[in-house]
Amino acid sequence: MTDTPARLLKLLSLLQTPREWPGGELAERLDVSPRTVRRDIDRLRELGYPVEASRGSLGGYRLVAGAAMPPLVLDDEEAVAIAVGLRAGAGHAIEGVDEASVRALAKLEQVLPSRLRHRVSALQNATVPLVRGDGATIDPQTLTTLASAATGQERLRFSYRSGDGTETKRQVEPYRLLSTGRRWYLVAYDLLRADWRTFRVDRVSEPFATGARFTPRPLPVEGGESGGGEGGRNGQVGDPGDAARYFARSMAGMQPELRLDVRFAAPAEFVVARLPPTLGVPEPDGENACRLRSSSMDSLEWVALRLALVDCEFTVQGPPQLVAHLETLGARLTRAAALGHGPGHG
């Protein structure tokens, strides 16, 4: 193999296999001399790949962990496996899978050959995921389009469905994608409305990157007027702020904060294993009991459902609106159970 770049890529692909390669075997695989292998190893080291060499008759070369992540060379099967895994995770906003994973998926799909993109789509379409019922399913292609546009500072067009079902066309400058663990949101500057907006990504359809570049605007200042939340008005513009804090302020105008005070008749470790981390961590409260004191921006309905799914007795001390909702829900469930034992259901 006389083409040096092609030979280096082949050598790198071999070294990324988790084993140690004797110099003679590498020379045979690459059809070059052992001296050429040593020179190529030095070239890889100069490019930042940490290749370790061991001496002796059983010695050889292997790629080890370094201070930075060098580019990887993936074969077809590895690329398809990674793309499918990232799509599955990103599409359901799984906790711990954040914007970084979507950026990685966008980069990978950008360079995938068409034959591999077809395989990834075929596998995705043929798979029925078993997911939680409290999160929104999102087309991974929508996520990668939004992520690529935000990273590349490229204006977007898309259709948006509001909470009441109204469909509108939007043209925005995307700033950041955020995951709450259950849903994905896009923070962007809406050009037609000349203001910042927060969009639920599961309500975005037909996203299209226009190709027009933009210079990112600063986020609203801390403590500025905030209101409207999703699709709402979000105050004055000043120095760039933190996207997560901005998002929390934005959503506060739409969803009131719930200050939870709940006592569970079960040990804290039992409840922690069944309670979403976003609701907080309960503290021990007597023998075989624990108490949760935290704040949540989630809906009453979702919080009530998650408390019930802990699968133990619990008492809600507050807030009052959650107590009232649980009373109404409990009465409805009791009536449903009574109807199930009526005539013809024995």
C-alpha atoms as a PDB file:
ATOM      1  CA  MET A   1       0.000   0.000   0.000  1.00  0.00           C
ATOM      2  CA  THR A   2       1.894   3.035  -1.280  1.00  0.00           C
ATOM      3  CA  ASP A   3      -0.765   5.731  -0.670  1.00  0.00           C
ATOM      4  CA  THR A   4       0.362   7.224   2.664  1.00  0.00           C
ATOM      5  CA  PRO A   5      -2.992   8.817   3.730  1.00  0.00           C
ATOM      6  CA  ALA A   6      -4.896   5.623   2.887  1.00  0.00           C
ATOM      7  CA  ARG A   7      -2.286   3.543   4.712  1.00  0.00           C
ATOM      8  CA  LEU A   8      -2.499   5.743   7.810  1.00  0.00           C
ATOM      9  CA  LEU A   9      -6.276   5.382   7.890  1.00  0.00           C
ATOM     10  CA  LYS A  10      -5.973   1.611   7.559  1.00  0.00           C
ATOM     11  CA  LEU A  11      -3.358   1.538  10.325  1.00  0.00           C
ATOM     12  CA  LEU A  12      -5.556   3.697  12.558  1.00  0.00           C
ATOM     13  CA  SER A  13      -8.542   1.426  11.937  1.00  0.00           C
ATOM     14  CA  LEU A  14      -6.488  -1.597  13.003  1.00  0.00           C
ATOM     15  CA  LEU A  15      -5.147   0.116  16.134  1.00  0.00           C
ATOM     16  CA  GLN A  16      -8.647   1.099  17.249  1.00  0.00           C
ATOM     17  CA  THR A  17      -9.398  -2.586  17.696  1.00  0.00           C
ATOM     18  CA  PRO A  18      -8.917  -3.303  21.441  1.00  0.00           C
ATOM     19  CA  ARG A  19      -5.796  -5.483  21.160  1.00  0.00           C
ATOM     20  CA  GLU A  20      -2.028  -5.160  20.839  1.00  0.00           C
ATOM     21  CA  TRP A  21      -0.620  -5.478  17.316  1.00  0.00           C
ATOM     22  CA  PRO A  22       2.886  -6.889  16.732  1.00  0.00           C
ATOM     23  CA  GLY A  23       4.850  -4.749  14.307  1.00  0.00           C
ATOM     24  CA  GLY A  24       5.358  -7.645  11.935  1.00  0.00           C
ATOM     25  CA  GLU A  25       1.639  -8.369  11.724  1.00  0.00           C
ATOM     26  CA  LEU A  26       0.900  -4.697  10.999  1.00  0.00           C
ATOM     27  CA  ALA A  27       3.544  -4.681   8.279  1.00  0.00           C
ATOM     28  CA  GLU A  28       1.978  -7.788   6.744  1.00  0.00           C
ATOM     29  CA  ARG A  29      -1.544  -6.337   6.898  1.00  0.00           C
ATOM     30  CA  LEU A  30      -0.409  -3.072   5.266  1.00  0.00           C
ATOM     31  CA  ASP A  31       1.997  -4.754   2.839  1.00  0.00           C
ATOM     32  CA  VAL A  32       4.899  -2.509   3.898  1.00  0.00           C
ATOM     33  CA  SER A  33       8.174  -2.926   5.789  1.00  0.00           C
ATOM     34  CA  PRO A  34       8.400  -2.806   9.620  1.00  0.00           C
ATOM     35  CA  ARG A  35      10.403   0.426   9.229  1.00  0.00           C
ATOM     36  CA  THR A  36       7.480   2.034   7.351  1.00  0.00           C
ATOM     37  CA  VAL A  37       5.128   0.911  10.149  1.00  0.00           C
ATOM     38  CA  ARG A  38       7.355   2.650  12.715  1.00  0.00           C
ATOM     39  CA  ARG A  39       7.349   5.872  10.649  1.00  0.00           C
ATOM     40  CA  ASP A  40       3.552   5.718  10.292  1.00  0.00           C
ATOM     41  CA  ILE A  41       3.197   5.202  14.062  1.00  0.00           C
ATOM     42  CA  ASP A  42       5.260   8.367  14.583  1.00  0.00           C
ATOM     43  CA  ARG A  43       2.988  10.250  12.154  1.00  0.00           C
ATOM     44  CA  LEU A  44      -0.095   9.180  14.113  1.00  0.00           C
ATOM     45  CA  ARG A  45       1.511  10.355  17.348  1.00  0.00           C
ATOM     46  CA  GLU A  46       2.224  13.745  15.767  1.00  0.00           C
ATOM     47  CA  LEU A  47      -1.480  13.963  14.846  1.00  0.00           C
ATOM     48  CA  GLY A  48      -2.453  13.435  18.489  1.00  0.00           C
ATOM     49  CA  TYR A  49      -3.166   9.700  18.562  1.00  0.00           C
ATOM     50  CA  PRO A  50      -1.622   8.181  21.716  1.00  0.00           C
ATOM     51  CA  VAL A  51      -0.027   4.980  20.378  1.00  0.00           C
ATOM     52  CA  GLU A  52       1.848   2.977  23.003  1.00  0.00           C
ATOM     53  CA  ALA A  53       4.643   0.582  22.106  1.00  0.00           C
ATOM     54  CA  SER A  54       5.850  -2.385  24.205  1.00  0.00           C
ATOM     55  CA  ARG A  55       9.253  -3.988  23.697  1.00  0.00           C
ATOM     56  CA  GLY A  56      10.307  -7.616  23.536  1.00  0.00           C
ATOM     57  CA  SER A  57       9.471 -10.613  21.399  1.00  0.00           C
ATOM     58  CA  LEU A  58       5.799 -10.340  22.328  1.00  0.00           C
ATOM     59  CA  GLY A  59       5.712  -6.554  22.113  1.00  0.00           C
ATOM     60  CA  GLY A  60       3.659  -4.470  19.771  1.00  0.00           C
ATOM     61  CA  TYR A  61       1.510  -1.352  19.370  1.00  0.00           C
ATOM     62  CA  ARG A  62      -1.850  -0.373  20.787  1.00  0.00           C
ATOM     63  CA  LEU A  63      -3.950   2.783  20.996  1.00  0.00           C
ATOM     64  CA  VAL A  64      -4.449   4.051  24.555  1.00  0.00           C
ATOM     65  CA  ALA A  65      -6.536   6.770  26.178  1.00  0.00           C
ATOM     66  CA  GLY A  66      -5.074  10.244  25.755  1.00  0.00           C
ATOM     67  CA  ALA A  67      -5.721  13.759  27.030  1.00  0.00           C
ATOM     68  CA  ALA A  68      -8.123  14.563  24.184  1.00  0.00           C
ATOM     69  CA  MET A  69     -10.541  12.661  21.975  1.00  0.00           C
ATOM     70  CA  PRO A  70      -8.940  12.105  18.545  1.00  0.00           C
ATOM     71  CA  PRO A  71     -11.022  11.443  15.410  1.00  0.00           C
ATOM     72  CA  LEU A  72     -12.286   7.879  15.156  1.00  0.00           C
ATOM     73  CA  VAL A  73     -12.384   5.614  12.147  1.00  0.00           C
ATOM     74  CA  LEU A  74     -15.583   3.524  12.152  1.00  0.00           C
ATOM     75  CA  ASP A  75     -16.481   0.649   9.909  1.00  0.00           C
ATOM     76  CA  ASP A  76     -19.970   0.413   8.380  1.00  0.00           C
ATOM     77  CA  GLU A  77     -21.449  -1.743  11.148  1.00  0.00           C
ATOM     78  CA  GLU A  78     -20.077   0.472  13.916  1.00  0.00           C
ATOM     79  CA  ALA A  79     -21.347   3.665  12.277  1.00  0.00           C
ATOM     80  CA  VAL A  80     -24.844   2.222  11.822  1.00  0.00           C
ATOM     81  CA  ALA A  81     -24.943   0.934  15.415  1.00  0.00           C
ATOM     82  CA  ILE A  82     -23.927   4.322  16.860  1.00  0.00           C
ATOM     83  CA  ALA A  83     -26.376   6.266  14.675  1.00  0.00           C
ATOM     84  CA  VAL A  84     -29.294   3.971  15.575  1.00  0.00           C
ATOM     85  CA  GLY A  85     -28.446   4.176  19.282  1.00  0.00           C
ATOM     86  CA  LEU A  86     -28.189   7.964  19.250  1.00  0.00           C
ATOM     87  CA  ARG A  87     -31.448   8.265  17.308  1.00  0.00           C
ATOM     88  CA  ALA A  88     -33.287   6.035  19.769  1.00  0.00           C
ATOM     89  CA  GLY A  89     -32.037   7.982  22.768  1.00  0.00           C
ATOM     90  CA  ALA A  90     -32.421  11.471  21.344  1.00  0.00           C
ATOM     91  CA  GLY A  91     -35.897  10.885  19.944  1.00  0.00           C
ATOM     92  CA  HIS A  92     -37.377  10.249  23.392  1.00  0.00           C
ATOM     93  CA  ALA A  93     -35.510  12.876  25.465  1.00  0.00           C
ATOM     94  CA  ILE A  94     -34.131  10.275  27.859  1.00  0.00           C
ATOM     95  CA  GLU A  95     -32.631  11.746  31.031  1.00  0.00           C
ATOM     96  CA  GLY A  96     -28.883  12.168  30.605  1.00  0.00           C
ATOM     97  CA  VAL A  97     -29.079  12.341  26.814  1.00  0.00           C
ATOM     98  CA  ASP A  98     -28.660  16.048  26.181  1.00  0.00           C
ATOM     99  CA  GLU A  99     -27.667  18.437  23.422  1.00  0.00           C
ATOM    100  CA  ALA A 100     -24.194  16.908  23.103  1.00  0.00           C
ATOM    101  CA  SER A 101     -25.638  13.584  21.930  1.00  0.00           C
ATOM    102  CA  VAL A 102     -27.789  15.327  19.341  1.00  0.00           C
ATOM    103  CA  ARG A 103     -24.782  17.282  18.061  1.00  0.00           C
ATOM    104  CA  ALA A 104     -22.870  14.003  17.768  1.00  0.00           C
ATOM    105  CA  LEU A 105     -25.761  12.459  15.834  1.00  0.00           C
ATOM    106  CA  ALA A 106     -25.921  15.482  13.522  1.00  0.00           C
ATOM    107  CA  LYS A 107     -22.189  15.252  12.780  1.00  0.00           C
ATOM    108  CA  LEU A 108     -22.346  11.507  12.175  1.00  0.00           C
ATOM    109  CA  GLU A 109     -25.360  11.638   9.857  1.00  0.00           C
ATOM    110  CA  GLN A 110     -23.766  14.481   7.901  1.00  0.00           C
ATOM    111  CA  VAL A 111     -20.869  12.268   6.819  1.00  0.00           C
ATOM    112  CA  LEU A 112     -22.673   8.917   6.537  1.00  0.00           C
ATOM    113  CA  PRO A 113     -22.718   7.540   2.988  1.00  0.00           C
ATOM    114  CA  SER A 114     -26.205   7.283   1.490  1.00  0.00           C
ATOM    115  CA  ARG A 115     -26.158   3.488   1.709  1.00  0.00           C
ATOM    116  CA  LEU A 116     -25.587   3.686   5.474  1.00  0.00           C
ATOM    117  CA  ARG A 117     -28.191   6.411   5.988  1.00  0.00           C
ATOM    118  CA  HIS A 118     -30.678   4.102   4.282  1.00  0.00           C
ATOM    119  CA  ARG A 119     -29.758   1.262   6.654  1.00  0.00           C
ATOM    120  CA  VAL A 120     -30.087   3.494   9.711  1.00  0.00           C
ATOM    121  CA  SER A 121     -33.544   4.686   8.585  1.00  0.00           C
ATOM    122  CA  ALA A 122     -34.648   1.130   7.798  1.00  0.00           C
ATOM    123  CA  LEU A 123     -33.623  -0.104  11.242  1.00  0.00           C
ATOM    124  CA  GLN A 124     -35.273   2.858  12.932  1.00  0.00           C
ATOM    125  CA  ASN A 125     -38.541   2.397  11.041  1.00  0.00           C
ATOM    126  CA  ALA A 126     -38.621  -1.334  11.763  1.00  0.00           C
ATOM    127  CA  THR A 127     -38.138  -0.875  15.507  1.00  0.00           C
ATOM    128  CA  VAL A 128     -40.992  -0.227  17.946  1.00  0.00           C
ATOM    129  CA  PRO A 129     -39.494   1.294  21.118  1.00  0.00           C
ATOM    130  CA  LEU A 130     -41.042   0.621  24.529  1.00  0.00           C
ATOM    131  CA  VAL A 131     -40.868   4.049  26.165  1.00  0.00           C
ATOM    132  CA  ARG A 132     -42.356   5.777  29.177  1.00  0.00           C
ATOM    133  CA  GLY A 133     -45.772   7.290  28.770  1.00  0.00           C
ATOM    134  CA  ASP A 134     -44.747  10.668  30.186  1.00  0.00           C
ATOM    135  CA  GLY A 135     -42.477  11.894  27.406  1.00  0.00           C
ATOM    136  CA  ALA A 136     -43.019  13.095  23.854  1.00  0.00           C
ATOM    137  CA  THR A 137     -41.674  11.131  20.903  1.00  0.00           C
ATOM    138  CA  ILE A 138     -39.662  13.236  18.445  1.00  0.00           C
ATOM    139  CA  ASP A 139     -38.407  12.524  14.959  1.00  0.00           C
ATOM    140  CA  PRO A 140     -34.585  12.344  15.358  1.00  0.00           C
ATOM    141  CA  GLN A 141     -34.210  14.039  11.970  1.00  0.00           C
ATOM    142  CA  THR A 142     -35.970  17.080  13.420  1.00  0.00           C
ATOM    143  CA  LEU A 143     -33.509  17.150  16.310  1.00  0.00           C
ATOM    144  CA  THR A 144     -30.453  16.850  14.087  1.00  0.00           C
ATOM    145  CA  THR A 145     -31.737  19.595  11.763  1.00  0.00           C
ATOM    146  CA  LEU A 146     -32.269  21.967  14.698  1.00  0.00           C
ATOM    147  CA  ALA A 147     -28.932  21.066  16.284  1.00  0.00           C
ATOM    148  CA  SER A 148     -27.007  21.532  13.036  1.00  0.00           C
ATOM    149  CA  ALA A 149     -28.644  24.901  12.416  1.00  0.00           C
ATOM    150  CA  ALA A 150     -27.914  26.108  15.958  1.00  0.00           C
ATOM    151  CA  THR A 151     -24.293  24.951  15.793  1.00  0.00           C
ATOM    152  CA  GLY A 152     -23.785  26.380  12.295  1.00  0.00           C
ATOM    153  CA  GLN A 153     -25.656  29.633  13.104  1.00  0.00           C
ATOM    154  CA  GLU A 154     -28.089  29.087  10.245  1.00  0.00           C
ATOM    155  CA  ARG A 155     -31.649  30.422  10.106  1.00  0.00           C
ATOM    156  CA  LEU A 156     -34.518  27.946  10.275  1.00  0.00           C
ATOM    157  CA  ARG A 157     -38.048  27.734   8.901  1.00  0.00           C
ATOM    158  CA  PHE A 158     -40.612  25.336  10.365  1.00  0.00           C
ATOM    159  CA  SER A 159     -44.284  24.817  11.116  1.00  0.00           C
ATOM    160  CA  TYR A 160     -45.305  25.078  14.762  1.00  0.00           C
ATOM    161  CA  ARG A 161     -48.403  23.798  16.547  1.00  0.00           C
ATOM    162  CA  SER A 162     -49.259  25.694  19.735  1.00  0.00           C
ATOM    163  CA  GLY A 163     -50.939  24.209  22.793  1.00  0.00           C
ATOM    164  CA  ASP A 164     -54.420  25.059  21.479  1.00  0.00           C
ATOM    165  CA  GLY A 165     -53.702  23.397  18.115  1.00  0.00           C
ATOM    166  CA  THR A 166     -53.070  26.579  16.111  1.00  0.00           C
ATOM    167  CA  GLU A 167     -50.591  26.040  13.247  1.00  0.00           C
ATOM    168  CA  THR A 168     -48.154  28.847  12.388  1.00  0.00           C
ATOM    169  CA  LYS A 169     -45.090  29.264  10.175  1.00  0.00           C
ATOM    170  CA  ARG A 170     -41.935  30.399  11.942  1.00  0.00           C
ATOM    171  CA  GLN A 171     -38.578  31.741  10.810  1.00  0.00           C
ATOM    172  CA  VAL A 172     -36.039  31.814  13.625  1.00  0.00           C
ATOM    173  CA  GLU A 173     -32.408  32.152  14.586  1.00  0.00           C
ATOM    174  CA  PRO A 174     -31.845  28.995  16.695  1.00  0.00           C
ATOM    175  CA  TYR A 175     -29.805  29.545  19.834  1.00  0.00           C
ATOM    176  CA  ARG A 176     -29.813  26.310  21.847  1.00  0.00           C
ATOM    177  CA  LEU A 177     -31.527  22.941  22.227  1.00  0.00           C
ATOM    178  CA  LEU A 178     -32.407  21.932  25.792  1.00  0.00           C
ATOM    179  CA  SER A 179     -33.634  18.640  27.239  1.00  0.00           C
ATOM    180  CA  THR A 180     -35.647  18.468  30.460  1.00  0.00           C
ATOM    181  CA  GLY A 181     -35.480  14.670  30.574  1.00  0.00           C
ATOM    182  CA  ARG A 182     -39.047  14.357  29.235  1.00  0.00           C
ATOM    183  CA  ARG A 183     -39.095  16.893  26.401  1.00  0.00           C
ATOM    184  CA  TRP A 184     -36.806  18.802  24.083  1.00  0.00           C
ATOM    185  CA  TYR A 185     -37.097  22.586  23.714  1.00  0.00           C
ATOM    186  CA  LEU A 186     -35.592  25.055  21.254  1.00  0.00           C
ATOM    187  CA  VAL A 187     -34.609  28.547  22.413  1.00  0.00           C
ATOM    188  CA  ALA A 188     -34.598  30.847  19.375  1.00  0.00           C
ATOM    189  CA  TYR A 189     -35.097  34.408  18.211  1.00  0.00           C
ATOM    190  CA  ASP A 190     -38.325  34.661  16.176  1.00  0.00           C
ATOM    191  CA  LEU A 191     -37.678  36.993  13.233  1.00  0.00           C
ATOM    192  CA  LEU A 192     -41.331  37.637  12.370  1.00  0.00           C
ATOM    193  CA  ARG A 193     -42.214  38.532  15.961  1.00  0.00           C
ATOM    194  CA  ALA A 194     -38.907  40.274  16.677  1.00  0.00           C
ATOM    195  CA  ASP A 195     -38.605  38.576  20.073  1.00  0.00           C
ATOM    196  CA  TRP A 196     -37.255  35.489  21.802  1.00  0.00           C
ATOM    197  CA  ARG A 197     -39.363  32.320  21.949  1.00  0.00           C
ATOM    198  CA  THR A 198     -39.164  28.874  23.552  1.00  0.00           C
ATOM    199  CA  PHE A 199     -40.550  26.090  21.330  1.00  0.00           C
ATOM    200  CA  ARG A 200     -41.472  22.530  22.259  1.00  0.00           C
ATOM    201  CA  VAL A 201     -39.646  20.410  19.682  1.00  0.00           C
ATOM    202  CA  ASP A 202     -42.378  17.740  19.559  1.00  0.00           C
ATOM    203  CA  ARG A 203     -44.653  20.477  18.139  1.00  0.00           C
ATOM    204  CA  VAL A 204     -42.153  21.434  15.415  1.00  0.00           C
ATOM    205  CA  SER A 205     -42.644  19.963  11.943  1.00  0.00           C
ATOM    206  CA  GLU A 206     -41.006  20.333   8.531  1.00  0.00           C
ATOM    207  CA  PRO A 207     -37.851  22.103   9.789  1.00  0.00           C
ATOM    208  CA  PHE A 208     -35.754  23.540   6.973  1.00  0.00           C
ATOM    209  CA  ALA A 209     -32.330  25.162   7.230  1.00  0.00           C
ATOM    210  CA  THR A 210     -32.403  28.168   4.899  1.00  0.00           C
ATOM    211  CA  GLY A 211     -28.656  28.512   4.391  1.00  0.00           C
ATOM    212  CA  ALA A 212     -28.733  32.134   5.601  1.00  0.00           C
ATOM    213  CA  ARG A 213     -26.128  32.713   8.320  1.00  0.00           C
ATOM    214  CA  PHE A 214     -26.634  34.979  11.337  1.00  0.00           C
ATOM    215  CA  THR A 215     -24.697  36.426  14.242  1.00  0.00           C
ATOM    216  CA  PRO A 216     -26.195  35.151  17.525  1.00  0.00           C
ATOM    217  CA  ARG A 217     -28.057  37.796  19.512  1.00  0.00           C
ATOM    218  CA  PRO A 218     -27.574  38.099  23.279  1.00  0.00           C
ATOM    219  CA  LEU A 219     -30.156  36.404  25.461  1.00  0.00           C
ATOM    220  CA  PRO A 220     -32.469  38.504  27.662  1.00  0.00           C
ATOM    221  CA  VAL A 221     -30.793  39.989  30.719  1.00  0.00           C
ATOM    222  CA  GLU A 222     -31.117  38.313  34.101  1.00  0.00           C
ATOM    223  CA  GLY A 223     -34.112  39.691  35.931  1.00  0.00           C
ATOM    224  CA  GLY A 224     -35.663  41.219  32.803  1.00  0.00           C
ATOM    225  CA  GLU A 225     -39.370  41.001  32.095  1.00  0.00           C
ATOM    226  CA  SER A 226     -40.255  37.352  31.465  1.00  0.00           C
ATOM    227  CA  GLY A 227     -43.597  35.959  30.542  1.00  0.00           C
ATOM    228  CA  GLY A 228     -45.491  33.891  28.095  1.00  0.00           C
ATOM    229  CA  GLY A 229     -43.128  30.907  28.361  1.00  0.00           C
ATOM    230  CA  GLU A 230     -43.687  28.667  25.384  1.00  0.00           C
ATOM    231  CA  GLY A 231     -44.116  31.023  22.432  1.00  0.00           C
ATOM    232  CA  GLY A 232     -44.381  33.950  24.863  1.00  0.00           C
ATOM    233  CA  ARG A 233     -42.608  37.304  25.168  1.00  0.00           C
ATOM    234  CA  ASN A 234     -39.354  37.175  27.088  1.00  0.00           C
ATOM    235  CA  GLY A 235     -38.143  40.637  28.045  1.00  0.00           C
ATOM    236  CA  GLN A 236     -35.370  42.959  27.102  1.00  0.00           C
ATOM    237  CA  VAL A 237     -32.166  41.943  25.390  1.00  0.00           C
ATOM    238  CA  GLY A 238     -28.804  42.566  27.061  1.00  0.00           C
ATOM    239  CA  ASP A 239     -25.613  40.632  27.757  1.00  0.00           C
ATOM    240  CA  PRO A 240     -25.571  36.932  26.793  1.00  0.00           C
ATOM    241  CA  GLY A 241     -27.075  34.821  29.590  1.00  0.00           C
ATOM    242  CA  ASP A 242     -27.103  31.192  30.495  1.00  0.00           C
ATOM    243  CA  ALA A 243     -29.498  29.207  28.289  1.00  0.00           C
ATOM    244  CA  ALA A 244     -30.680  26.978  31.113  1.00  0.00           C
ATOM    245  CA  ARG A 245     -31.495  29.901  33.420  1.00  0.00           C
ATOM    246  CA  TYR A 246     -33.200  31.709  30.576  1.00  0.00           C
ATOM    247  CA  PHE A 247     -35.285  28.634  29.824  1.00  0.00           C
ATOM    248  CA  ALA A 248     -36.348  28.319  33.471  1.00  0.00           C
ATOM    249  CA  ARG A 249     -37.419  31.980  33.547  1.00  0.00           C
ATOM    250  CA  SER A 250     -39.249  31.562  30.254  1.00  0.00           C
ATOM    251  CA  MET A 251     -41.208  28.527  31.414  1.00  0.00           C
ATOM    252  CA  ALA A 252     -42.013  30.123  34.767  1.00  0.00           C
ATOM    253  CA  GLY A 253     -44.342  32.519  32.972  1.00  0.00           C
ATOM    254  CA  MET A 254     -46.378  29.599  31.622  1.00  0.00           C
ATOM    255  CA  GLN A 255     -46.309  26.980  34.404  1.00  0.00           C
ATOM    256  CA  PRO A 256     -46.558  27.962  38.100  1.00  0.00           C
ATOM    257  CA  GLU A 257     -43.980  26.429  40.416  1.00  0.00           C
ATOM    258  CA  LEU A 258     -45.174  23.592  42.629  1.00  0.00           C
ATOM    259  CA  ARG A 259     -43.591  23.471  46.089  1.00  0.00           C
ATOM    260  CA  LEU A 260     -43.882  19.804  46.976  1.00  0.00           C
ATOM    261  CA  ASP A 261     -44.138  18.396  50.488  1.00  0.00           C
ATOM    262  CA  VAL A 262     -44.833  14.667  50.334  1.00  0.00           C
ATOM    263  CA  ARG A 263     -44.319  11.921  52.937  1.00  0.00           C
ATOM    264  CA  PHE A 264     -43.865   8.350  51.684  1.00  0.00           C
ATOM    265  CA  ALA A 265     -44.464   5.256  53.820  1.00  0.00           C
ATOM    266  CA  ALA A 266     -41.315   3.617  52.467  1.00  0.00           C
ATOM    267  CA  PRO A 267     -37.548   3.965  52.898  1.00  0.00           C
ATOM    268  CA  ALA A 268     -35.815   6.741  50.959  1.00  0.00           C
ATOM    269  CA  GLU A 269     -33.838   4.297  48.794  1.00  0.00           C
ATOM    270  CA  PHE A 270     -37.094   2.628  47.694  1.00  0.00           C
ATOM    271  CA  VAL A 271     -38.612   5.961  46.645  1.00  0.00           C
ATOM    272  CA  VAL A 272     -35.451   7.285  44.987  1.00  0.00           C
ATOM    273  CA  ALA A 273     -35.354   4.243  42.693  1.00  0.00           C
ATOM    274  CA  ARG A 274     -38.910   4.965  41.488  1.00  0.00           C
ATOM    275  CA  LEU A 275     -39.092   8.768  41.513  1.00  0.00           C
ATOM    276  CA  PRO A 276     -37.788  10.905  38.594  1.00  0.00           C
ATOM    277  CA  PRO A 277     -34.668  12.835  39.676  1.00  0.00           C
ATOM    278  CA  THR A 278     -36.272  16.060  38.399  1.00  0.00           C
ATOM    279  CA  LEU A 279     -38.729  15.905  41.314  1.00  0.00           C
ATOM    280  CA  GLY A 280     -35.951  15.929  43.883  1.00  0.00           C
ATOM    281  CA  VAL A 281     -34.480  13.514  46.409  1.00  0.00           C
ATOM    282  CA  PRO A 282     -36.456  12.529  49.544  1.00  0.00           C
ATOM    283  CA  GLU A 283     -34.809  12.491  52.972  1.00  0.00           C
ATOM    284  CA  PRO A 284     -35.347   9.794  55.654  1.00  0.00           C
ATOM    285  CA  ASP A 285     -38.211  10.701  57.992  1.00  0.00           C
ATOM    286  CA  GLY A 286     -38.545   8.123  60.747  1.00  0.00           C
ATOM    287  CA  GLU A 287     -38.487   4.347  60.456  1.00  0.00           C
ATOM    288  CA  ASN A 288     -39.319   3.071  56.953  1.00  0.00           C
ATOM    289  CA  ALA A 289     -40.483   6.515  55.792  1.00  0.00           C
ATOM    290  CA  CYS A 290     -39.112   9.515  53.943  1.00  0.00           C
ATOM    291  CA  ARG A 291     -40.165  13.045  53.021  1.00  0.00           C
ATOM    292  CA  LEU A 292     -39.802  14.956  49.776  1.00  0.00           C
ATOM    293  CA  ARG A 293     -39.501  18.732  49.944  1.00  0.00           C
ATOM    294  CA  SER A 294     -38.714  20.224  46.540  1.00  0.00           C
ATOM    295  CA  SER A 295     -39.964  22.455  43.740  1.00  0.00           C
ATOM    296  CA  SER A 296     -41.229  21.411  40.318  1.00  0.00           C
ATOM    297  CA  MET A 297     -42.194  23.267  37.156  1.00  0.00           C
ATOM    298  CA  ASP A 298     -44.078  20.242  35.820  1.00  0.00           C
ATOM    299  CA  SER A 299     -47.854  20.006  35.478  1.00  0.00           C
ATOM    300  CA  LEU A 300     -50.142  18.869  38.299  1.00  0.00           C
ATOM    301  CA  GLU A 301     -51.250  15.912  36.209  1.00  0.00           C
ATOM    302  CA  TRP A 302     -47.725  14.651  35.599  1.00  0.00           C
ATOM    303  CA  VAL A 303     -46.592  15.115  39.209  1.00  0.00           C
ATOM    304  CA  ALA A 304     -49.680  13.282  40.495  1.00  0.00           C
ATOM    305  CA  LEU A 305     -49.032  10.390  38.100  1.00  0.00           C
ATOM    306  CA  ARG A 306     -45.372  10.079  39.078  1.00  0.00           C
ATOM    307  CA  LEU A 307     -46.204  10.090  42.794  1.00  0.00           C
ATOM    308  CA  ALA A 308     -48.753   7.320  42.284  1.00  0.00           C
ATOM    309  CA  LEU A 309     -46.240   5.235  40.311  1.00  0.00           C
ATOM    310  CA  VAL A 310     -43.859   5.111  43.285  1.00  0.00           C
ATOM    311  CA  ASP A 311     -46.081   2.201  44.417  1.00  0.00           C
ATOM    312  CA  CYS A 312     -46.333   2.907  48.138  1.00  0.00           C
ATOM    313  CA  GLU A 313     -48.606   4.836  50.495  1.00  0.00           C
ATOM    314  CA  PHE A 314     -47.940   8.580  50.533  1.00  0.00           C
ATOM    315  CA  THR A 315     -49.417  11.747  52.005  1.00  0.00           C
ATOM    316  CA  VAL A 316     -49.289  15.116  50.254  1.00  0.00           C
ATOM    317  CA  GLN A 317     -48.921  18.072  52.622  1.00  0.00           C
ATOM    318  CA  GLY A 318     -48.755  20.584  49.774  1.00  0.00           C
ATOM    319  CA  PRO A 319     -49.278  22.391  47.552  1.00  0.00           C
ATOM    320  CA  PRO A 320     -53.066  22.708  47.986  1.00  0.00           C
ATOM    321  CA  GLN A 321     -53.767  22.473  44.250  1.00  0.00           C
ATOM    322  CA  LEU A 322     -51.987  19.111  44.098  1.00  0.00           C
ATOM    323  CA  VAL A 323     -54.005  17.859  47.076  1.00  0.00           C
ATOM    324  CA  ALA A 324     -57.220  18.922  45.347  1.00  0.00           C
ATOM    325  CA  HIS A 325     -56.191  17.282  42.075  1.00  0.00           C
ATOM    326  CA  LEU A 326     -55.369  14.001  43.829  1.00  0.00           C
ATOM    327  CA  GLU A 327     -58.751  14.051  45.597  1.00  0.00           C
ATOM    328  CA  THR A 328     -60.547  14.517  42.262  1.00  0.00           C
ATOM    329  CA  LEU A 329     -58.412  11.867  40.577  1.00  0.00           C
ATOM    330  CA  GLY A 330     -58.915   9.428  43.455  1.00  0.00           C
ATOM    331  CA  ALA A 331     -62.692   9.843  43.320  1.00  0.00           C
ATOM    332  CA  ARG A 332     -62.678   9.285  39.562  1.00  0.00           C
ATOM    333  CA  LEU A 333     -60.606   6.113  39.897  1.00  0.00           C
ATOM    334  CA  THR A 334     -62.852   4.844  42.681  1.00  0.00           C
ATOM    335  CA  ARG A 335     -65.910   5.315  40.481  1.00  0.00           C
ATOM    336  CA  ALA A 336     -64.174   3.524  37.626  1.00  0.00           C
ATOM    337  CA  ALA A 337     -63.395   0.564  39.880  1.00  0.00           C
ATOM    338  CA  ALA A 338     -66.981   0.475  41.168  1.00  0.00           C
ATOM    339  CA  LEU A 339     -68.357   0.426  37.627  1.00  0.00           C
ATOM    340  CA  GLY A 340     -66.067  -2.495  36.859  1.00  0.00           C
ATOM    341  CA  HIS A 341     -67.801  -4.547  39.578  1.00  0.00           C
ATOM    342  CA  GLY A 342     -71.330  -3.721  38.391  1.00  0.00           C
ATOM    343  CA  PRO A 343     -73.802  -6.071  36.672  1.00  0.00           C
ATOM    344  CA  GLY A 344     -72.257  -8.107  33.907  1.00  0.00           C
ATOM    345  CA  HIS A 345     -68.706  -7.650  35.229  1.00  0.00           C
ATOM    346  CA  GLY A 346     -68.593 -10.432  37.795  1.00  0.00           C
END
